[in-house]
Amino acid sequence: MTPVSMTSPTIFVVDDDDDLRDSVVTLLHAAGYAVRGFVDAEDFASKYEKGQRGCLLLDVRMPRTGGLELYQELLTQDKRLPVIFMTAHANVEMAVNAMKSGAIEFLEKPFTASRLMDLVSRALEIDATWRAGESRFERLDTAIQELSATDVETLDLILLGESNKAMAAKLFISERAIELRRQRLMRRLSVQSLAELLELTITHRVLTEIRQLNRISSSGRH
């Protein structure tokens, strides 16, 4: 099978029902999507590479490893994809568990082509949004991790709302030295104003906390 580009969104279809999987793959391919089909959870897990864009159409009940178990395992490995769970045996408890695992939708078999297309389109939009956020975080994280100890010290005081005069008094340096520190910090983070600096830094801290909470939540589900 031809390798999928890491930059091309791909729909991954995992279902042990050969007829249904093949029909879904054919339908999506005819609609112009890049599609890959997998016979079971193990097949998908062995071939999916972290960072591949797209969404996951995942059967809930399969031999050995079910869809819920597979997706929980992906989350613990920080392999995040929007997932549409498919099943012919829906019940309330299963639907709740699917949603808790991060599903964007619970699709009961049999389903119409139009319903499938709508959900896939939505899932790919969500994936693009997630990845834009991840890209922004990585850029922020790299820039902040590269700050010197002096830069970090200055940034922490700015975040506390300290004035130049108060900062100078705390650090036993001149206000001019504080101003030079601010300017250097803003250059290194590529911002033009104090407001932009604060927004950037607070965004980084919030995203860091969210990522940590997501990892804890994923580990707990697993």
Foldseek 3Di string as FASTA:
>chain_A
DDDDDLPFAEEEEEDLPVVVQVVVQVLVVVVPHHYDYDNHLVRCVVPDDASRHFAYEAEQDDPPDGRLRSLLVCLLVVRDFAYEYEYQDDDDVVQVSCVLSRHPYHHYPPDDPVVVVVVRVVRNVVRVVVVVLVVLLVLLVVLVVPDDPLLVVLLVCVLVVDDLVRVCVVVVHDSVVSVVSVVVSCVSNVHDDSVVVNVSVVSNVVVVVVVVVSNVSSVVVD
